[in-house]
Amino acid sequence: MRFLHTADWHIGKKFNGYDLLSEQEAVIDQVIEIAVTEAVDAVVIAGDLYDRGVPPVEAVSLFNQKVVQLNLEKKLPLLAISGNHDNATRLETGGPWFSHTAFHLHTRLDQAFMPVIIGDTQFFLLPYFEPIAARLFFADDTIRTIAEAVELAVAKMKESFDPALRQVLVTHFFVAGALRTDSETKIEVGGLDNVPADLFDEFDYVALGHLHGKDAVKHPRIQYSGSPLKFSLSEATQEKGVFIVDTAAVEKRQFVPLVPVHDVRVLTAAYEQLLDPAFYQAVGREDFLQIKLTDRAVIPNLMNTLRGIYPRILGVERVSGVAKVQQTAPELPQERNPKALVQDFFAEMTGEKLSAQQQEWLKAALQAVAKE
């Protein structure tokens, strides 16, 4: 059979304060289009459907809308698990009847041992869980790490293996030796969430979620799909997409890239360049941009000016720092206005002028000092 592997949608996530809901809707629409074009037999979402346990109403509405499109309108079986960002108890609401439309949403450890059979494949859906869940399920108080818990879980799954079928594991953990990015929540305590890759040797394919880079692990049968969007600057150079997997040849799985509405990029330029229409119209000023400024001079009202041109600016950093003006003692005036001193210092340190509110605070503070 053939299926699409995706993960880490993080619906409802914000990026440096910017709402990503419209970006997420556009990229999920691409996932649906790819699933239809590639004529897959199922779609796998390996956890972190939402960005937080209690997602905003708009995020839930978007997820429901896309599930309807995939599962009810396109008639595609949907296999999903909860990740560490999801609230498993809340997410499983409706699960018992979802399965009647071939929407298999597993959020509990015990559900992992009931394989979903589609075509020639048994799918074992192992959601993210804490060691306490394994201690309770296996009645074993000695379980302390995720690795120990997953080892027991995999052993129990093997009891249900049908030798006439292929076996695919869908799960959401950190495989030892994988590479992280800044947008992923670090859930381990002293490495307690590291799962050795050799625990999965008996599976034909392991569809992973949790890490946002598709190349986090290099393995012929173990694969992170990566997130469909870039969620941090450390992901700026990553290519985002989904995998099309044929169970008869998982080593030849196909990566299909996704195109964001607005990319995440680092832009290095001089201040005058950034203000030049010919420059900013050519570089894609609508993208999420981290600007590396080559100027060393102090530039008043820097951020406000740039935000007027680059609406999704993430931040500005100096390539070579801010130039310091060397002044000898004789050049300093004998008396300096305290208000001017503070204004100059603030401008030198931040590259911006005091706002009206900050001016009021400064005035009140100086008056208080004068009274004392």
Protein backbone atom coordinates (compact mmCIF):
# COMPACT_ATOMS: atom_id res chain seq x y z
CA MET A 1 0.00 0.00 0.00
CA ARG A 2 0.96 3.67 -0.26
CA PHE A 3 0.56 6.32 2.43
CA LEU A 4 1.51 9.94 3.13
CA HIS A 5 3.59 10.63 6.23
CA THR A 6 3.38 14.03 7.91
CA ALA A 7 3.64 15.32 11.50
CA ASP A 8 4.02 18.34 13.78
CA TRP A 9 1.30 20.55 12.34
CA HIS A 10 1.26 22.62 15.57
CA ILE A 11 -1.99 24.29 14.58
CA GLY A 12 -2.45 27.51 16.56
CA LYS A 13 1.26 28.21 16.92
CA LYS A 14 2.60 31.77 16.87
CA PHE A 15 6.03 32.68 15.53
CA ASN A 16 7.64 35.60 17.39
CA GLY A 17 4.14 36.92 18.05
CA TYR A 18 2.92 36.49 14.45
CA ASP A 19 -0.23 34.38 13.94
CA LEU A 20 0.40 31.43 11.63
CA LEU A 21 -3.16 30.15 11.18
CA SER A 22 -3.54 31.30 7.56
CA GLU A 23 -0.05 29.95 6.77
CA GLN A 24 -1.00 26.60 8.29
CA GLU A 25 -4.26 26.40 6.38
CA ALA A 26 -2.46 27.01 3.08
CA VAL A 27 0.19 24.36 3.72
CA ILE A 28 -2.34 21.73 4.92
CA ASP A 29 -4.27 22.33 1.71
CA GLN A 30 -1.07 21.42 -0.12
CA VAL A 31 -0.79 18.21 1.93
CA ILE A 32 -4.34 17.26 0.92
CA GLU A 33 -3.62 18.01 -2.73
CA ILE A 34 -0.46 15.85 -2.62
CA ALA A 35 -2.39 12.99 -1.00
CA VAL A 36 -4.97 13.07 -3.78
CA THR A 37 -2.43 13.49 -6.60
CA GLU A 38 -0.27 10.64 -5.31
CA ALA A 39 -3.36 8.43 -4.86
CA VAL A 40 -2.36 7.35 -1.36
CA ASP A 41 -4.35 4.75 0.57
CA ALA A 42 -4.02 6.62 3.88
CA VAL A 43 -2.61 9.74 5.55
CA VAL A 44 -0.46 9.42 8.70
CA ILE A 45 -0.04 12.34 11.14
CA ALA A 46 2.64 11.44 13.70
CA GLY A 47 1.64 13.74 16.57
CA ASP A 48 1.54 17.39 17.65
CA LEU A 49 -1.66 18.18 15.81
CA TYR A 50 -1.99 21.32 17.93
CA ASP A 51 0.64 23.58 19.45
CA ARG A 52 -0.74 23.42 22.97
CA GLY A 53 -3.01 21.30 25.13
CA VAL A 54 -5.87 23.81 25.07
CA PRO A 55 -5.72 25.21 21.53
CA PRO A 56 -7.61 28.37 20.53
CA VAL A 57 -11.07 27.96 19.03
CA GLU A 58 -9.78 29.03 15.60
CA ALA A 59 -7.17 26.26 15.66
CA VAL A 60 -9.74 23.58 16.53
CA SER A 61 -12.04 24.88 13.79
CA LEU A 62 -9.24 24.68 11.21
CA PHE A 63 -8.26 21.14 12.22
CA ASN A 64 -11.88 19.97 12.07
CA GLN A 65 -12.31 21.55 8.64
CA LYS A 66 -9.22 19.80 7.24
CA VAL A 67 -10.21 16.44 8.74
CA VAL A 68 -13.57 16.74 7.00
CA GLN A 69 -11.81 17.43 3.70
CA LEU A 70 -9.37 14.54 4.06
CA ASN A 71 -11.51 11.92 5.67
CA LEU A 72 -15.10 12.62 4.62
CA GLU A 73 -14.81 14.44 1.31
CA LYS A 74 -11.70 12.76 -0.12
CA LYS A 75 -12.55 9.43 1.61
CA LEU A 76 -8.98 8.96 2.81
CA PRO A 77 -8.27 6.87 5.92
CA LEU A 78 -6.57 9.05 8.50
CA LEU A 79 -4.20 7.63 11.13
CA ALA A 80 -3.11 10.10 13.82
CA ILE A 81 -1.60 10.10 17.30
CA SER A 82 -1.22 12.69 20.04
CA GLY A 83 2.20 14.28 20.57
CA ASN A 84 3.80 15.94 23.58
CA HIS A 85 2.14 19.29 22.69
CA ASP A 86 -1.34 17.74 22.55
CA ASN A 87 -3.62 17.11 25.50
CA ALA A 88 -4.33 13.42 24.98
CA THR A 89 -7.51 13.40 27.10
CA ARG A 90 -9.06 16.35 25.28
CA LEU A 91 -7.92 15.16 21.87
CA GLU A 92 -9.49 11.73 22.18
CA THR A 93 -13.00 13.20 22.52
CA GLY A 94 -14.98 11.64 19.70
CA GLY A 95 -12.39 8.95 19.05
CA PRO A 96 -14.76 5.97 19.51
CA TRP A 97 -16.91 7.03 16.58
CA PHE A 98 -14.18 8.59 14.44
CA SER A 99 -12.94 5.08 13.63
CA HIS A 100 -16.22 4.31 11.86
CA THR A 101 -15.15 6.75 9.12
CA ALA A 102 -11.60 5.33 9.04
CA PHE A 103 -10.25 8.17 11.19
CA HIS A 104 -8.06 6.34 13.70
CA LEU A 105 -6.95 8.76 16.43
CA HIS A 106 -4.92 7.09 19.17
CA THR A 107 -4.09 9.03 22.31
CA ARG A 108 -3.56 6.27 24.92
CA LEU A 109 -0.84 3.69 25.39
CA ASP A 110 -3.27 0.75 25.43
CA GLN A 111 -4.52 1.67 21.93
CA ALA A 112 -1.07 1.05 20.49
CA PHE A 113 -1.56 -2.71 20.80
CA MET A 114 -4.62 -2.78 18.54
CA PRO A 115 -3.19 -2.53 15.01
CA VAL A 116 -5.10 -0.80 12.24
CA ILE A 117 -4.97 -2.94 9.10
CA ILE A 118 -5.06 -1.24 5.71
CA GLY A 119 -4.06 -3.15 2.61
CA ASP A 120 -1.01 -5.28 3.27
CA THR A 121 0.01 -3.36 6.41
CA GLN A 122 -0.55 -3.36 10.15
CA PHE A 123 -0.26 0.17 11.58
CA PHE A 124 0.68 0.42 15.25
CA LEU A 125 -0.16 3.91 16.53
CA LEU A 126 1.94 4.69 19.62
CA PRO A 127 1.15 8.19 20.97
CA TYR A 128 3.53 10.21 23.12
CA PHE A 129 3.30 9.09 26.77
CA GLU A 130 5.17 9.54 30.03
CA PRO A 131 6.82 6.61 31.89
CA ILE A 132 4.05 6.74 34.52
CA ALA A 133 1.56 5.53 31.88
CA ALA A 134 3.76 2.48 31.19
CA ARG A 135 4.20 1.78 34.90
CA LEU A 136 0.43 1.69 35.31
CA PHE A 137 -0.29 -0.31 32.15
CA PHE A 138 2.41 -2.94 32.71
CA ALA A 139 2.03 -2.86 36.53
CA ASP A 140 5.79 -2.42 36.80
CA ASP A 141 7.14 0.22 39.18
CA THR A 142 10.71 -0.29 37.94
CA ILE A 143 10.04 1.55 34.65
CA ARG A 144 11.79 4.91 34.88
CA THR A 145 12.67 6.02 31.33
CA ILE A 146 10.89 6.35 28.00
CA ALA A 147 13.39 3.90 26.47
CA GLU A 148 12.42 1.21 29.00
CA ALA A 149 8.74 1.91 28.43
CA VAL A 150 9.00 1.83 24.62
CA GLU A 151 10.97 -1.42 24.75
CA LEU A 152 8.11 -3.09 26.65
CA ALA A 153 5.52 -1.52 24.34
CA VAL A 154 7.28 -2.78 21.22
CA ALA A 155 7.58 -6.27 22.70
CA LYS A 156 3.83 -6.32 23.30
CA MET A 157 3.14 -5.07 19.75
CA LYS A 158 5.17 -7.97 18.36
CA GLU A 159 2.65 -10.35 19.91
CA SER A 160 0.15 -9.04 17.34
CA PHE A 161 2.47 -9.17 14.32
CA ASP A 162 0.94 -11.03 11.38
CA PRO A 163 3.78 -12.58 9.33
CA ALA A 164 1.65 -12.28 6.19
CA LEU A 165 1.51 -8.48 6.57
CA ARG A 166 3.96 -5.61 6.83
CA GLN A 167 4.30 -3.61 10.06
CA VAL A 168 4.48 0.20 10.33
CA LEU A 169 4.98 2.04 13.61
CA VAL A 170 3.69 5.60 14.01
CA THR A 171 5.11 7.33 17.10
CA HIS A 172 6.31 10.63 18.57
CA PHE A 173 9.62 10.48 20.42
CA PHE A 174 13.25 11.59 20.29
CA VAL A 175 15.39 8.87 18.73
CA ALA A 176 18.90 8.81 20.21
CA GLY A 177 21.41 10.58 17.99
CA ALA A 178 18.82 12.79 16.27
CA LEU A 179 19.30 16.54 15.72
CA ARG A 180 17.00 19.15 17.25
CA THR A 181 15.99 22.69 16.24
CA ASP A 182 15.08 25.63 18.47
CA SER A 183 11.30 25.31 18.03
CA GLU A 184 11.05 21.82 19.55
CA THR A 185 10.14 21.48 23.20
CA LYS A 186 12.84 19.61 25.10
CA ILE A 187 10.89 17.05 27.08
CA GLU A 188 13.71 14.94 28.45
CA VAL A 189 15.17 15.01 31.94
CA GLY A 190 18.78 13.86 31.78
CA GLY A 191 18.17 12.08 28.49
CA LEU A 192 15.19 10.12 29.79
CA ASP A 193 13.29 10.48 26.51
CA ASN A 194 16.03 9.09 24.24
CA VAL A 195 14.77 5.99 22.43
CA PRO A 196 17.43 3.76 20.82
CA ALA A 197 16.78 3.21 17.11
CA ASP A 198 17.46 -0.53 17.38
CA LEU A 199 14.23 -0.98 19.35
CA PHE A 200 12.43 -0.53 16.03
CA ASP A 201 14.35 -3.16 14.06
CA GLU A 202 11.32 -5.40 13.60
CA PHE A 203 9.22 -2.76 11.85
CA ASP A 204 9.22 -2.29 8.08
CA TYR A 205 8.89 1.48 8.54
CA VAL A 206 8.78 3.90 11.49
CA ALA A 207 6.88 7.14 10.86
CA LEU A 208 8.17 9.62 13.42
CA GLY A 209 7.02 12.97 14.69
CA HIS A 210 8.50 15.37 17.31
CA LEU A 211 11.64 16.69 15.58
CA HIS A 212 11.01 19.34 12.92
CA GLY A 213 13.77 18.49 10.48
CA LYS A 214 13.29 15.62 8.02
CA ASP A 215 17.03 14.86 8.15
CA ALA A 216 17.21 14.61 11.95
CA VAL A 217 17.86 10.86 11.61
CA LYS A 218 19.53 9.04 8.73
CA HIS A 219 18.11 5.51 8.55
CA PRO A 220 16.72 3.33 5.74
CA ARG A 221 13.48 2.59 7.62
CA ILE A 222 13.15 5.27 10.32
CA GLN A 223 12.01 8.71 9.22
CA TYR A 224 10.98 12.05 10.72
CA SER A 225 8.63 13.81 8.33
CA GLY A 226 9.56 17.19 9.82
CA SER A 227 7.08 20.00 10.36
CA PRO A 228 5.22 21.40 7.32
CA LEU A 229 6.32 24.95 8.19
CA LYS A 230 9.46 26.57 9.60
CA PHE A 231 8.87 27.49 13.24
CA SER A 232 12.26 28.95 14.19
CA LEU A 233 15.30 30.66 12.69
CA SER A 234 17.30 27.47 13.17
CA GLU A 235 14.99 25.90 10.55
CA ALA A 236 15.54 28.68 7.99
CA THR A 237 17.64 26.49 5.68
CA GLN A 238 15.50 23.36 6.06
CA GLU A 239 13.32 22.06 3.25
CA LYS A 240 9.82 21.25 4.47
CA GLY A 241 7.50 18.65 3.01
CA VAL A 242 5.91 15.23 3.37
CA PHE A 243 6.92 11.67 2.52
CA ILE A 244 5.11 9.29 0.20
CA VAL A 245 5.84 5.75 1.39
CA ASP A 246 5.21 2.52 -0.53
CA THR A 247 5.33 -0.34 1.94
CA ALA A 248 6.89 -2.63 -0.65
CA ALA A 249 9.92 -0.33 -0.95
CA VAL A 250 10.18 2.00 2.06
CA GLU A 251 13.85 2.73 1.33
CA LYS A 252 12.74 4.51 -1.86
CA ARG A 253 10.22 6.76 -0.11
CA GLN A 254 9.62 10.02 -1.94
CA PHE A 255 9.98 13.44 -0.35
CA VAL A 256 7.50 16.00 -1.72
CA PRO A 257 8.32 19.62 -0.79
CA LEU A 258 5.77 22.11 0.54
CA VAL A 259 5.83 25.79 -0.40
CA PRO A 260 5.05 28.28 2.41
CA VAL A 261 3.06 31.45 1.81
CA HIS A 262 5.86 33.33 3.57
CA ASP A 263 9.31 31.81 3.99
CA VAL A 264 11.67 32.24 6.97
CA ARG A 265 14.98 33.80 5.95
CA VAL A 266 18.04 35.64 7.21
CA LEU A 267 18.77 38.84 5.27
CA THR A 268 22.17 40.58 5.45
CA ALA A 269 22.28 44.17 4.17
CA ALA A 270 23.19 47.77 4.89
CA TYR A 271 20.55 50.14 6.23
CA GLU A 272 20.41 52.22 3.04
CA GLN A 273 19.91 49.05 1.01
CA LEU A 274 17.01 47.99 3.21
CA LEU A 275 15.27 51.32 2.55
CA ASP A 276 15.77 51.13 -1.22
CA PRO A 277 12.53 50.07 -3.03
CA ALA A 278 14.51 48.35 -5.78
CA PHE A 279 16.21 46.20 -3.11
CA TYR A 280 13.25 45.28 -0.89
CA GLN A 281 10.94 44.55 -3.81
CA ALA A 282 13.50 42.08 -5.14
CA VAL A 283 14.29 40.22 -1.88
CA GLY A 284 10.75 39.30 -0.78
CA ARG A 285 9.99 41.77 1.98
CA GLU A 286 6.79 39.91 3.02
CA ASP A 287 8.72 36.89 4.36
CA PHE A 288 9.59 36.31 8.01
CA LEU A 289 12.99 38.00 8.12
CA GLN A 290 15.83 38.13 10.60
CA ILE A 291 17.93 41.09 9.47
CA LYS A 292 21.69 41.19 9.89
CA LEU A 293 22.69 44.85 9.65
CA THR A 294 26.16 45.62 8.33
CA ASP A 295 26.12 49.27 9.56
CA ARG A 296 27.93 50.12 12.77
CA ALA A 297 26.55 53.62 13.21
CA VAL A 298 23.74 54.36 15.66
CA ILE A 299 20.47 54.58 13.68
CA PRO A 300 17.53 56.37 15.37
CA ASN A 301 14.12 54.69 15.30
CA LEU A 302 15.62 51.66 13.55
CA MET A 303 13.00 48.98 14.26
CA ASN A 304 9.97 51.17 13.62
CA THR A 305 11.35 52.29 10.27
CA LEU A 306 12.14 48.74 9.15
CA ARG A 307 8.78 47.38 10.32
CA GLY A 308 7.11 49.87 8.02
CA ILE A 309 8.78 48.15 5.08
CA TYR A 310 9.20 44.57 6.30
CA PRO A 311 5.89 43.62 8.00
CA ARG A 312 7.11 40.24 9.32
CA ILE A 313 10.48 41.27 10.67
CA LEU A 314 11.67 38.92 13.43
CA GLY A 315 14.59 40.96 14.71
CA VAL A 316 17.70 42.94 13.84
CA GLU A 317 21.26 42.04 14.79
CA ARG A 318 24.48 43.87 14.02
CA VAL A 319 27.08 41.99 12.03
CA SER A 320 29.95 44.02 13.56
CA GLY A 321 28.33 45.68 16.58
CA VAL A 322 27.60 49.36 17.12
CA ALA A 323 30.40 51.86 16.62
CA LYS A 324 31.54 53.61 19.76
CA VAL A 325 32.31 57.35 19.57
CA GLN A 326 35.53 58.08 21.43
CA GLN A 327 35.42 61.41 23.24
CA THR A 328 38.07 62.88 25.50
CA ALA A 329 37.16 64.55 28.76
CA PRO A 330 37.86 68.13 27.57
CA GLU A 331 35.32 67.71 24.73
CA LEU A 332 32.47 66.96 27.15
CA PRO A 333 30.36 69.96 28.21
CA GLN A 334 30.76 71.03 31.81
CA GLU A 335 27.11 70.40 32.54
CA ARG A 336 24.83 67.95 30.77
CA ASN A 337 21.04 67.83 30.95
CA PRO A 338 20.07 64.57 32.77
CA LYS A 339 17.15 64.07 30.42
CA ALA A 340 19.43 64.37 27.38
CA LEU A 341 21.92 61.97 28.95
CA VAL A 342 19.24 59.29 29.36
CA GLN A 343 17.88 59.85 25.86
CA ASP A 344 21.32 59.57 24.30
CA PHE A 345 22.20 56.48 26.31
CA PHE A 346 18.90 54.77 25.39
CA ALA A 347 19.41 55.55 21.69
CA GLU A 348 22.97 54.22 21.74
CA MET A 349 22.01 50.99 23.47
CA THR A 350 18.80 50.19 21.55
CA GLY A 351 19.03 52.11 18.31
CA GLU A 352 15.61 53.67 19.01
CA LYS A 353 14.21 56.85 20.56
CA LEU A 354 12.25 56.96 23.80
CA SER A 355 8.52 56.55 23.22
CA ALA A 356 6.03 59.11 24.53
CA GLN A 357 5.23 56.84 27.50
CA GLN A 358 8.92 56.38 28.27
CA GLN A 359 9.39 60.16 28.12
CA GLU A 360 6.67 60.54 30.76
CA TRP A 361 8.28 57.92 33.00
CA LEU A 362 11.65 59.67 32.67
CA LYS A 363 10.12 63.06 33.52
CA ALA A 364 8.42 61.65 36.62
CA ALA A 365 11.62 59.93 37.76
CA LEU A 366 13.72 63.08 37.34
CA GLN A 367 11.13 65.13 39.25
CA ALA A 368 11.20 62.61 42.09
CA VAL A 369 15.00 62.80 42.26
CA ALA A 370 14.91 66.63 42.23
CA LYS A 371 12.51 66.67 45.20
CA GLU A 372 14.82 64.38 47.19
